[in-house]
Amino acid sequence: FAKENEANFIGSMACMHSTDPYFQYSGYSFALRYCVND
């Protein structure tokens, strides 16, 4: 997935679906920041 926006989505989704709580926090807070800014 060469495009930056698509890599952003997939990378954050991988974190959200991780079983590690720090990964989950990183993924959800990443998505939230983008959406709140928009």
Full PDB file with SEQRES, HELIX, SHEET, SSBOND, CRYST1, ORIGX, SCALE, CONECT and MASTER records, all heavy atoms in Angstrom:
SEQRES   1 A   38  PHE ALA LYS GLU ASN GLU ALA ASN PHE ILE GLY SER MET          
SEQRES   2 A   38  ALA CYS MET HIS SER THR ASP PRO TYR PHE GLN TYR SER          
SEQRES   3 A   38  GLY TYR SER PHE ALA LEU ARG TYR CYS VAL ASN ASP              
HELIX    1 AA1 GLU A    4  MET A   16  1                                  13    
HELIX    2 AA2 PRO A   21  ASN A   37  1                                  17    
CRYST1    1.000    1.000    1.000  90.00  90.00  90.00 P 1           1          
ORIGX1      1.000000  0.000000  0.000000        0.00000                         
ORIGX2      0.000000  1.000000  0.000000        0.00000                         
ORIGX3      0.000000  0.000000  1.000000        0.00000                         
SCALE1      1.000000  0.000000  0.000000        0.00000                         
SCALE2      0.000000  1.000000  0.000000        0.00000                         
SCALE3      0.000000  0.000000  1.000000        0.00000                         
ATOM      1  N   PHE A   1       0.865  -1.179   0.000  1.00  0.00           N  
ATOM      2  CA  PHE A   1       0.000   0.000   0.000  1.00  0.00           C  
ATOM      3  C   PHE A   1       0.903   1.231   0.000  1.00  0.00           C  
ATOM      4  O   PHE A   1       1.366   1.680   1.045  1.00  0.00           O  
ATOM      5  CB  PHE A   1      -0.966  -0.033   1.185  1.00  0.00           C  
ATOM      6  CG  PHE A   1      -1.939  -1.174   1.076  1.00  0.00           C  
ATOM      7  CD1 PHE A   1      -1.686  -2.382   1.700  1.00  0.00           C  
ATOM      8  CD2 PHE A   1      -3.087  -1.042   0.304  1.00  0.00           C  
ATOM      9  CE1 PHE A   1      -2.567  -3.451   1.561  1.00  0.00           C  
ATOM     10  CE2 PHE A   1      -3.976  -2.096   0.168  1.00  0.00           C  
ATOM     11  CZ  PHE A   1      -3.716  -3.315   0.796  1.00  0.00           C  
ATOM     12  N   ALA A   2       1.144   1.748  -1.197  1.00  0.00           N  
ATOM     13  CA  ALA A   2       2.157   2.782  -1.386  1.00  0.00           C  
ATOM     14  C   ALA A   2       1.705   4.150  -0.902  1.00  0.00           C  
ATOM     15  O   ALA A   2       2.524   4.951  -0.446  1.00  0.00           O  
ATOM     16  CB  ALA A   2       2.553   2.846  -2.864  1.00  0.00           C  
ATOM     17  N   LYS A   3       0.417   4.440  -0.993  1.00  0.00           N  
ATOM     18  CA  LYS A   3      -0.065   5.786  -0.681  1.00  0.00           C  
ATOM     19  C   LYS A   3      -0.073   6.015   0.830  1.00  0.00           C  
ATOM     20  O   LYS A   3      -0.467   5.149   1.605  1.00  0.00           O  
ATOM     21  CB  LYS A   3      -1.457   5.992  -1.278  1.00  0.00           C  
ATOM     22  CG  LYS A   3      -1.447   5.915  -2.800  1.00  0.00           C  
ATOM     23  CD  LYS A   3      -2.839   6.061  -3.386  1.00  0.00           C  
ATOM     24  CE  LYS A   3      -2.791   5.946  -4.906  1.00  0.00           C  
ATOM     25  NZ  LYS A   3      -4.122   6.042  -5.528  1.00  0.00           N  
ATOM     26  N   GLU A   4       0.375   7.209   1.215  1.00  0.00           N  
ATOM     27  CA  GLU A   4       0.536   7.524   2.630  1.00  0.00           C  
ATOM     28  C   GLU A   4      -0.774   7.449   3.399  1.00  0.00           C  
ATOM     29  O   GLU A   4      -0.817   6.942   4.522  1.00  0.00           O  
ATOM     30  CB  GLU A   4       1.140   8.924   2.780  1.00  0.00           C  
ATOM     31  CG  GLU A   4       2.569   9.040   2.277  1.00  0.00           C  
ATOM     32  CD  GLU A   4       3.531   8.155   3.052  1.00  0.00           C  
ATOM     33  OE1 GLU A   4       3.328   7.975   4.260  1.00  0.00           O  
ATOM     34  OE2 GLU A   4       4.486   7.657   2.444  1.00  0.00           O  
ATOM     35  N   ASN A   5      -1.860   7.954   2.808  1.00  0.00           N  
ATOM     36  CA  ASN A   5      -3.138   7.937   3.517  1.00  0.00           C  
ATOM     37  C   ASN A   5      -3.611   6.511   3.779  1.00  0.00           C  
ATOM     38  O   ASN A   5      -4.167   6.208   4.824  1.00  0.00           O  
ATOM     39  CB  ASN A   5      -4.186   8.723   2.740  1.00  0.00           C  
ATOM     40  CG  ASN A   5      -4.131   8.461   1.250  1.00  0.00           C  
ATOM     41  OD1 ASN A   5      -4.039   7.312   0.823  1.00  0.00           O  
ATOM     42  ND2 ASN A   5      -4.184   9.513   0.453  1.00  0.00           N  
ATOM     43  N   GLU A   6      -3.381   5.628   2.815  1.00  0.00           N  
ATOM     44  CA  GLU A   6      -3.801   4.230   2.967  1.00  0.00           C  
ATOM     45  C   GLU A   6      -2.941   3.515   4.003  1.00  0.00           C  
ATOM     46  O   GLU A   6      -3.441   2.702   4.791  1.00  0.00           O  
ATOM     47  CB  GLU A   6      -3.748   3.538   1.610  1.00  0.00           C  
ATOM     48  CG  GLU A   6      -4.707   4.156   0.602  1.00  0.00           C  
ATOM     49  CD  GLU A   6      -4.655   3.506  -0.771  1.00  0.00           C  
ATOM     50  OE1 GLU A   6      -3.748   2.703  -1.035  1.00  0.00           O  
ATOM     51  OE2 GLU A   6      -5.555   3.807  -1.585  1.00  0.00           O  
ATOM     52  N   ALA A   7      -1.645   3.813   4.018  1.00  0.00           N  
ATOM     53  CA  ALA A   7      -0.762   3.216   5.025  1.00  0.00           C  
ATOM     54  C   ALA A   7      -1.127   3.721   6.421  1.00  0.00           C  
ATOM     55  O   ALA A   7      -1.029   2.980   7.404  1.00  0.00           O  
ATOM     56  CB  ALA A   7       0.693   3.532   4.703  1.00  0.00           C  
ATOM     57  N   ASN A   8      -1.562   4.988   6.511  1.00  0.00           N  
ATOM     58  CA  ASN A   8      -2.024   5.515   7.801  1.00  0.00           C  
ATOM     59  C   ASN A   8      -3.213   4.719   8.321  1.00  0.00           C  
ATOM     60  O   ASN A   8      -3.281   4.354   9.498  1.00  0.00           O  
ATOM     61  CB  ASN A   8      -2.427   6.989   7.654  1.00  0.00           C  
ATOM     62  CG  ASN A   8      -1.250   7.926   7.771  1.00  0.00           C  
ATOM     63  OD1 ASN A   8      -0.226   7.585   8.351  1.00  0.00           O  
ATOM     64  ND2 ASN A   8      -1.373   9.110   7.212  1.00  0.00           N  
ATOM     65  N   PHE A   9      -4.170   4.463   7.447  1.00  0.00           N  
ATOM     66  CA  PHE A   9      -5.367   3.721   7.849  1.00  0.00           C  
ATOM     67  C   PHE A   9      -5.016   2.297   8.272  1.00  0.00           C  
ATOM     68  O   PHE A   9      -5.411   1.841   9.348  1.00  0.00           O  
ATOM     69  CB  PHE A   9      -6.370   3.684   6.696  1.00  0.00           C  
ATOM     70  CG  PHE A   9      -7.599   2.862   6.971  1.00  0.00           C  
ATOM     71  CD1 PHE A   9      -8.591   3.348   7.798  1.00  0.00           C  
ATOM     72  CD2 PHE A   9      -7.751   1.599   6.401  1.00  0.00           C  
ATOM     73  CE1 PHE A   9      -9.738   2.588   8.065  1.00  0.00           C  
ATOM     74  CE2 PHE A   9      -8.879   0.839   6.662  1.00  0.00           C  
ATOM     75  CZ  PHE A   9      -9.876   1.330   7.493  1.00  0.00           C  
ATOM     76  N   ILE A  10      -4.262   1.591   7.448  1.00  0.00           N  
ATOM     77  CA  ILE A  10      -3.935   0.196   7.741  1.00  0.00           C  
ATOM     78  C   ILE A  10      -3.073   0.091   8.994  1.00  0.00           C  
ATOM     79  O   ILE A  10      -3.295  -0.779   9.852  1.00  0.00           O  
ATOM     80  CB  ILE A  10      -3.230  -0.451   6.538  1.00  0.00           C  
ATOM     81  CG1 ILE A  10      -4.210  -0.569   5.372  1.00  0.00           C  
ATOM     82  CG2 ILE A  10      -2.686  -1.832   6.906  1.00  0.00           C  
ATOM     83  CD1 ILE A  10      -3.577  -1.017   4.081  1.00  0.00           C  
ATOM     84  N   GLY A  11      -2.094   0.988   9.131  1.00  0.00           N  
ATOM     85  CA  GLY A  11      -1.230   0.951  10.309  1.00  0.00           C  
ATOM     86  C   GLY A  11      -2.003   1.166  11.596  1.00  0.00           C  
ATOM     87  O   GLY A  11      -1.793   0.460  12.588  1.00  0.00           O  
ATOM     88  N   SER A  12      -2.914   2.140  11.599  1.00  0.00           N  
ATOM     89  CA  SER A  12      -3.696   2.402  12.808  1.00  0.00           C  
ATOM     90  C   SER A  12      -4.683   1.267  13.079  1.00  0.00           C  
ATOM     91  O   SER A  12      -4.922   0.907  14.239  1.00  0.00           O  
ATOM     92  CB  SER A  12      -4.430   3.731  12.692  1.00  0.00           C  
ATOM     93  OG  SER A  12      -5.311   3.732  11.588  1.00  0.00           O  
ATOM     94  N   MET A  13      -5.245   0.688  12.013  1.00  0.00           N  
ATOM     95  CA  MET A  13      -6.169  -0.431  12.201  1.00  0.00           C  
ATOM     96  C   MET A  13      -5.460  -1.647  12.783  1.00  0.00           C  
ATOM     97  O   MET A  13      -6.016  -2.378  13.616  1.00  0.00           O  
ATOM     98  CB  MET A  13      -6.816  -0.795  10.860  1.00  0.00           C  
ATOM     99  CG  MET A  13      -7.784   0.240  10.323  1.00  0.00           C  
ATOM    100  SD  MET A  13      -9.237   0.465  11.380  1.00  0.00           S  
ATOM    101  CE  MET A  13     -10.044  -1.105  11.137  1.00  0.00           C  
ATOM    102  N   ALA A  14      -4.225  -1.891  12.353  1.00  0.00           N  
ATOM    103  CA  ALA A  14      -3.457  -3.003  12.917  1.00  0.00           C  
ATOM    104  C   ALA A  14      -3.264  -2.794  14.410  1.00  0.00           C  
ATOM    105  O   ALA A  14      -3.407  -3.744  15.207  1.00  0.00           O  
ATOM    106  CB  ALA A  14      -2.103  -3.120  12.210  1.00  0.00           C  
ATOM    107  N   CYS A  15      -2.969  -1.556  14.814  1.00  0.00           N  
ATOM    108  CA  CYS A  15      -2.800  -1.261  16.237  1.00  0.00           C  
ATOM    109  C   CYS A  15      -4.103  -1.468  17.004  1.00  0.00           C  
ATOM    110  O   CYS A  15      -4.121  -2.041  18.094  1.00  0.00           O  
ATOM    111  CB  CYS A  15      -2.303   0.167  16.429  1.00  0.00           C  
ATOM    112  SG  CYS A  15      -0.584   0.429  15.955  1.00  0.00           S  
ATOM    113  N   MET A  16      -5.210  -1.009  16.442  1.00  0.00           N  
ATOM    114  CA  MET A  16      -6.513  -1.153  17.103  1.00  0.00           C  
ATOM    115  C   MET A  16      -6.871  -2.622  17.326  1.00  0.00           C  
ATOM    116  O   MET A  16      -7.494  -2.973  18.337  1.00  0.00           O  
ATOM    117  CB  MET A  16      -7.606  -0.497  16.266  1.00  0.00           C  
ATOM    118  CG  MET A  16      -7.535   1.008  16.178  1.00  0.00           C  
ATOM    119  SD  MET A  16      -8.865   1.617  15.085  1.00  0.00           S  
ATOM    120  CE  MET A  16      -8.215   3.208  14.604  1.00  0.00           C  
ATOM    121  N   HIS A  17      -6.499  -3.475  16.387  1.00  0.00           N  
ATOM    122  CA  HIS A  17      -6.860  -4.893  16.488  1.00  0.00           C  
ATOM    123  C   HIS A  17      -5.837  -5.716  17.264  1.00  0.00           C  
ATOM    124  O   HIS A  17      -6.030  -6.917  17.482  1.00  0.00           O  
ATOM    125  CB  HIS A  17      -7.049  -5.486  15.089  1.00  0.00           C  
ATOM    126  CG  HIS A  17      -8.331  -5.053  14.437  1.00  0.00           C  
ATOM    127  ND1 HIS A  17      -8.475  -3.824  13.834  1.00  0.00           N  
ATOM    128  CD2 HIS A  17      -9.531  -5.675  14.317  1.00  0.00           C  
ATOM    129  CE1 HIS A  17      -9.706  -3.710  13.363  1.00  0.00           C  
ATOM    130  NE2 HIS A  17     -10.369  -4.805  13.650  1.00  0.00           N  
ATOM    131  N   SER A  18      -4.758  -5.072  17.691  1.00  0.00           N  
ATOM    132  CA  SER A  18      -3.772  -5.763  18.516  1.00  0.00           C  
ATOM    133  C   SER A  18      -4.379  -6.103  19.874  1.00  0.00           C  
ATOM    134  O   SER A  18      -5.330  -5.456  20.331  1.00  0.00           O  
ATOM    135  CB  SER A  18      -2.544  -4.867  18.706  1.00  0.00           C  
ATOM    136  OG  SER A  18      -1.670  -5.392  19.682  1.00  0.00           O  
ATOM    137  N   THR A  19      -3.827  -7.108  20.525  1.00  0.00           N  
ATOM    138  CA  THR A  19      -4.265  -7.443  21.881  1.00  0.00           C  
ATOM    139  C   THR A  19      -3.478  -6.654  22.922  1.00  0.00           C  
ATOM    140  O   THR A  19      -3.771  -6.742  24.115  1.00  0.00           O  
ATOM    141  CB  THR A  19      -4.095  -8.950  22.153  1.00  0.00           C  
ATOM    142  OG1 THR A  19      -2.722  -9.313  21.935  1.00  0.00           O  
ATOM    143  CG2 THR A  19      -4.981  -9.771  21.225  1.00  0.00           C  
ATOM    144  N   ASP A  20      -2.482  -5.893  22.460  1.00  0.00           N  
ATOM    145  CA  ASP A  20      -1.650  -5.109  23.371  1.00  0.00           C  
ATOM    146  C   ASP A  20      -2.327  -3.765  23.660  1.00  0.00           C  
ATOM    147  O   ASP A  20      -2.649  -3.019  22.733  1.00  0.00           O  
ATOM    148  CB  ASP A  20      -0.267  -4.882  22.754  1.00  0.00           C  
ATOM    149  CG  ASP A  20       0.687  -4.206  23.724  1.00  0.00           C  
ATOM    150  OD1 ASP A  20       0.526  -2.994  23.953  1.00  0.00           O  
ATOM    151  OD2 ASP A  20       1.585  -4.893  24.249  1.00  0.00           O  
ATOM    152  N   PRO A  21      -2.552  -3.409  24.916  1.00  0.00           N  
ATOM    153  CA  PRO A  21      -3.283  -2.174  25.244  1.00  0.00           C  
ATOM    154  C   PRO A  21      -2.580  -0.897  24.779  1.00  0.00           C  
ATOM    155  O   PRO A  21      -3.250   0.085  24.460  1.00  0.00           O  
ATOM    156  CB  PRO A  21      -3.403  -2.216  26.773  1.00  0.00           C  
ATOM    157  CG  PRO A  21      -2.306  -3.137  27.218  1.00  0.00           C  
ATOM    158  CD  PRO A  21      -2.172  -4.152  26.135  1.00  0.00           C  
ATOM    159  N   TYR A  22      -1.249  -0.902  24.742  1.00  0.00           N  
ATOM    160  CA  TYR A  22      -0.524   0.286  24.291  1.00  0.00           C  
ATOM    161  C   TYR A  22      -0.667   0.472  22.786  1.00  0.00           C  
ATOM    162  O   TYR A  22      -0.744   1.608  22.295  1.00  0.00           O  
ATOM    163  CB  TYR A  22       0.952   0.192  24.691  1.00  0.00           C  
ATOM    164  CG  TYR A  22       1.159   0.299  26.183  1.00  0.00           C  
ATOM    165  CD1 TYR A  22       1.299  -0.851  26.969  1.00  0.00           C  
ATOM    166  CD2 TYR A  22       1.181   1.540  26.818  1.00  0.00           C  
ATOM    167  CE1 TYR A  22       1.481  -0.768  28.344  1.00  0.00           C  
ATOM    168  CE2 TYR A  22       1.347   1.633  28.195  1.00  0.00           C  
ATOM    169  CZ  TYR A  22       1.497   0.487  28.949  1.00  0.00           C  
ATOM    170  OH  TYR A  22       1.648   0.581  30.321  1.00  0.00           O  
ATOM    171  N   PHE A  23      -0.688  -0.623  22.055  1.00  0.00           N  
ATOM    172  CA  PHE A  23      -0.938  -0.547  20.617  1.00  0.00           C  
ATOM    173  C   PHE A  23      -2.354  -0.046  20.361  1.00  0.00           C  
ATOM    174  O   PHE A  23      -2.583   0.790  19.475  1.00  0.00           O  
ATOM    175  CB  PHE A  23      -0.739  -1.922  19.976  1.00  0.00           C  
ATOM    176  CG  PHE A  23       0.657  -2.190  19.521  1.00  0.00           C  
ATOM    177  CD1 PHE A  23       1.710  -2.247  20.422  1.00  0.00           C  
ATOM    178  CD2 PHE A  23       0.946  -2.394  18.173  1.00  0.00           C  
ATOM    179  CE1 PHE A  23       2.999  -2.498  20.006  1.00  0.00           C  
ATOM    180  CE2 PHE A  23       2.236  -2.644  17.743  1.00  0.00           C  
ATOM    181  CZ  PHE A  23       3.271  -2.700  18.658  1.00  0.00           C  
ATOM    182  N   GLN A  24      -3.315  -0.573  21.123  1.00  0.00           N  
ATOM    183  CA  GLN A  24      -4.707  -0.159  20.940  1.00  0.00           C  
ATOM    184  C   GLN A  24      -4.863   1.336  21.199  1.00  0.00           C  
ATOM    185  O   GLN A  24      -5.520   2.048  20.427  1.00  0.00           O  
ATOM    186  CB  GLN A  24      -5.605  -0.962  21.879  1.00  0.00           C  
ATOM    187  CG  GLN A  24      -5.684  -2.443  21.519  1.00  0.00           C  
ATOM    188  CD  GLN A  24      -6.389  -3.256  22.588  1.00  0.00           C  
ATOM    189  OE1 GLN A  24      -6.484  -2.845  23.745  1.00  0.00           O  
ATOM    190  NE2 GLN A  24      -6.889  -4.425  22.203  1.00  0.00           N  
ATOM    191  N   TYR A  25      -4.243   1.816  22.253  1.00  0.00           N  
ATOM    192  CA  TYR A  25      -4.311   3.246  22.566  1.00  0.00           C  
ATOM    193  C   TYR A  25      -3.679   4.072  21.450  1.00  0.00           C  
ATOM    194  O   TYR A  25      -4.238   5.097  21.027  1.00  0.00           O  
ATOM    195  CB  TYR A  25      -3.606   3.527  23.896  1.00  0.00           C  
ATOM    196  CG  TYR A  25      -3.477   5.011  24.172  1.00  0.00           C  
ATOM    197  CD1 TYR A  25      -4.591   5.773  24.510  1.00  0.00           C  
ATOM    198  CD2 TYR A  25      -2.240   5.652  24.077  1.00  0.00           C  
ATOM    199  CE1 TYR A  25      -4.482   7.136  24.747  1.00  0.00           C  
ATOM    200  CE2 TYR A  25      -2.120   7.013  24.308  1.00  0.00           C  
ATOM    201  CZ  TYR A  25      -3.238   7.748  24.646  1.00  0.00           C  
ATOM    202  OH  TYR A  25      -3.133   9.098  24.869  1.00  0.00           O  
ATOM    203  N   SER A  26      -2.533   3.647  20.978  1.00  0.00           N  
ATOM    204  CA  SER A  26      -1.846   4.367  19.910  1.00  0.00           C  
ATOM    205  C   SER A  26      -2.711   4.437  18.655  1.00  0.00           C  
ATOM    206  O   SER A  26      -2.824   5.484  18.012  1.00  0.00           O  
ATOM    207  CB  SER A  26      -0.504   3.689  19.584  1.00  0.00           C  
ATOM    208  OG  SER A  26       0.224   4.420  18.624  1.00  0.00           O  
ATOM    209  N   GLY A  27      -3.361   3.317  18.309  1.00  0.00           N  
ATOM    210  CA  GLY A  27      -4.193   3.267  17.108  1.00  0.00           C  
ATOM    211  C   GLY A  27      -5.440   4.127  17.209  1.00  0.00           C  
ATOM    212  O   GLY A  27      -5.755   4.893  16.295  1.00  0.00           O  
ATOM    213  N   TYR A  28      -6.162   4.012  18.331  1.00  0.00           N  
ATOM    214  CA  TYR A  28      -7.409   4.782  18.472  1.00  0.00           C  
ATOM    215  C   TYR A  28      -7.144   6.278  18.610  1.00  0.00           C  
ATOM    216  O   TYR A  28      -7.873   7.103  18.037  1.00  0.00           O  
ATOM    217  CB  TYR A  28      -8.212   4.271  19.672  1.00  0.00           C  
ATOM    218  CG  TYR A  28      -8.997   3.018  19.370  1.00  0.00           C  
ATOM    219  CD1 TYR A  28      -8.686   1.807  19.977  1.00  0.00           C  
ATOM    220  CD2 TYR A  28     -10.053   3.050  18.463  1.00  0.00           C  
ATOM    221  CE1 TYR A  28      -9.400   0.648  19.689  1.00  0.00           C  
ATOM    222  CE2 TYR A  28     -10.780   1.903  18.166  1.00  0.00           C  
ATOM    223  CZ  TYR A  28     -10.442   0.704  18.780  1.00  0.00           C  
ATOM    224  OH  TYR A  28     -11.153  -0.447  18.475  1.00  0.00           O  
ATOM    225  N   SER A  29      -6.124   6.658  19.375  1.00  0.00           N  
ATOM    226  CA  SER A  29      -5.837   8.081  19.540  1.00  0.00           C  
ATOM    227  C   SER A  29      -5.334   8.688  18.228  1.00  0.00           C  
ATOM    228  O   SER A  29      -5.569   9.869  17.955  1.00  0.00           O  
ATOM    229  CB  SER A  29      -4.806   8.302  20.659  1.00  0.00           C  
ATOM    230  OG  SER A  29      -3.577   7.658  20.376  1.00  0.00           O  
ATOM    231  N   PHE A  30      -4.656   7.882  17.404  1.00  0.00           N  
ATOM    232  CA  PHE A  30      -4.219   8.333  16.078  1.00  0.00           C  
ATOM    233  C   PHE A  30      -5.441   8.643  15.205  1.00  0.00           C  
ATOM    234  O   PHE A  30      -5.528   9.718  14.598  1.00  0.00           O  
ATOM    235  CB  PHE A  30      -3.375   7.236  15.427  1.00  0.00           C  
ATOM    236  CG  PHE A  30      -2.936   7.537  14.011  1.00  0.00           C  
ATOM    237  CD1 PHE A  30      -1.699   8.110  13.759  1.00  0.00           C  
ATOM    238  CD2 PHE A  30      -3.752   7.243  12.927  1.00  0.00           C  
ATOM    239  CE1 PHE A  30      -1.290   8.388  12.459  1.00  0.00           C  
ATOM    240  CE2 PHE A  30      -3.355   7.515  11.630  1.00  0.00           C  
ATOM    241  CZ  PHE A  30      -2.118   8.094  11.399  1.00  0.00           C  
ATOM    242  N   ALA A  31      -6.371   7.710  15.142  1.00  0.00           N  
ATOM    243  CA  ALA A  31      -7.575   7.906  14.327  1.00  0.00           C  
ATOM    244  C   ALA A  31      -8.401   9.074  14.842  1.00  0.00           C  
ATOM    245  O   ALA A  31      -8.931   9.883  14.068  1.00  0.00           O  
ATOM    246  CB  ALA A  31      -8.410   6.625  14.321  1.00  0.00           C  
ATOM    247  N   LEU A  32      -8.517   9.183  16.159  1.00  0.00           N  
ATOM    248  CA  LEU A  32      -9.299  10.266  16.751  1.00  0.00           C  
ATOM    249  C   LEU A  32      -8.713  11.629  16.383  1.00  0.00           C  
ATOM    250  O   LEU A  32      -9.447  12.562  16.039  1.00  0.00           O  
ATOM    251  CB  LEU A  32      -9.332  10.101  18.275  1.00  0.00           C  
ATOM    252  CG  LEU A  32     -10.025  11.222  19.059  1.00  0.00           C  
ATOM    253  CD1 LEU A  32     -11.487  11.352  18.649  1.00  0.00           C  
ATOM    254  CD2 LEU A  32      -9.906  10.972  20.566  1.00  0.00           C  
ATOM    255  N   ARG A  33      -7.391  11.754  16.435  1.00  0.00           N  
ATOM    256  CA  ARG A  33      -6.757  13.042  16.126  1.00  0.00           C  
ATOM    257  C   ARG A  33      -7.058  13.479  14.696  1.00  0.00           C  
ATOM    258  O   ARG A  33      -7.394  14.636  14.441  1.00  0.00           O  
ATOM    259  CB  ARG A  33      -5.241  12.948  16.342  1.00  0.00           C  
ATOM    260  CG  ARG A  33      -4.502  14.258  16.074  1.00  0.00           C  
ATOM    261  CD  ARG A  33      -3.057  14.160  16.520  1.00  0.00           C  
ATOM    262  NE  ARG A  33      -2.354  13.125  15.807  1.00  0.00           N  
ATOM    263  CZ  ARG A  33      -1.737  13.296  14.622  1.00  0.00           C  
ATOM    264  NH1 ARG A  33      -1.770  14.481  14.025  1.00  0.00           N  
ATOM    265  NH2 ARG A  33      -1.105  12.306  14.043  1.00  0.00           N  
ATOM    266  N   TYR A  34      -6.966  12.547  13.756  1.00  0.00           N  
ATOM    267  CA  TYR A  34      -7.272  12.880  12.368  1.00  0.00           C  
ATOM    268  C   TYR A  34      -8.726  13.315  12.208  1.00  0.00           C  
ATOM    269  O   TYR A  34      -9.028  14.292  11.525  1.00  0.00           O  
ATOM    270  CB  TYR A  34      -6.989  11.680  11.458  1.00  0.00           C  
ATOM    271  CG  TYR A  34      -5.612  11.695  10.853  1.00  0.00           C  
ATOM    272  CD1 TYR A  34      -4.539  11.104  11.512  1.00  0.00           C  
ATOM    273  CD2 TYR A  34      -5.374  12.310   9.623  1.00  0.00           C  
ATOM    274  CE1 TYR A  34      -3.263  11.121  10.964  1.00  0.00           C  
ATOM    275  CE2 TYR A  34      -4.119  12.326   9.067  1.00  0.00           C  
ATOM    276  CZ  TYR A  34      -3.060  11.738   9.744  1.00  0.00           C  
ATOM    277  OH  TYR A  34      -1.801  11.766   9.189  1.00  0.00           O  
ATOM    278  N   CYS A  35      -9.636  12.574  12.838  1.00  0.00           N  
ATOM    279  CA  CYS A  35     -11.055  12.855  12.665  1.00  0.00           C  
ATOM    280  C   CYS A  35     -11.475  14.145  13.365  1.00  0.00           C  
ATOM    281  O   CYS A  35     -12.297  14.913  12.835  1.00  0.00           O  
ATOM    282  CB  CYS A  35     -11.890  11.675  13.169  1.00  0.00           C  
ATOM    283  SG  CYS A  35     -11.729  10.190  12.137  1.00  0.00           S  
ATOM    284  N   VAL A  36     -10.919  14.403  14.544  1.00  0.00           N  
ATOM    285  CA  VAL A  36     -11.240  15.648  15.244  1.00  0.00           C  
ATOM    286  C   VAL A  36     -10.735  16.852  14.454  1.00  0.00           C  
ATOM    287  O   VAL A  36     -11.425  17.873  14.336  1.00  0.00           O  
ATOM    288  CB  VAL A  36     -10.629  15.645  16.667  1.00  0.00           C  
ATOM    289  CG1 VAL A  36     -10.657  17.045  17.273  1.00  0.00           C  
ATOM    290  CG2 VAL A  36     -11.404  14.700  17.569  1.00  0.00           C  
ATOM    291  N   ASN A  37      -9.538  16.741  13.918  1.00  0.00           N  
ATOM    292  CA  ASN A  37      -8.996  17.846  13.110  1.00  0.00           C  
ATOM    293  C   ASN A  37      -9.885  18.135  11.904  1.00  0.00           C  
ATOM    294  O   ASN A  37     -10.127  19.285  11.551  1.00  0.00           O  
ATOM    295  CB  ASN A  37      -7.579  17.507  12.638  1.00  0.00           C  
ATOM    296  CG  ASN A  37      -6.559  17.618  13.747  1.00  0.00           C  
ATOM    297  OD1 ASN A  37      -6.806  18.233  14.781  1.00  0.00           O  
ATOM    298  ND2 ASN A  37      -5.401  17.016  13.546  1.00  0.00           N  
ATOM    299  N   ASP A  38     -10.401  17.068  11.277  1.00  0.00           N  
ATOM    300  CA  ASP A  38     -11.266  17.252  10.115  1.00  0.00           C  
ATOM    301  C   ASP A  38     -12.599  17.869  10.526  1.00  0.00           C  
ATOM    302  O   ASP A  38     -13.137  18.737   9.840  1.00  0.00           O  
ATOM    303  CB  ASP A  38     -11.492  15.920   9.411  1.00  0.00           C  
ATOM    304  CG  ASP A  38     -12.126  16.090   8.044  1.00  0.00           C  
ATOM    305  OD1 ASP A  38     -11.628  16.911   7.249  1.00  0.00           O  
ATOM    306  OD2 ASP A  38     -13.138  15.409   7.762  1.00  0.00           O  
TER     307      ASP A  38                                                      
MASTER        0    0    0    2    0    0    0    6  306    1    0    3          
END                                                                             
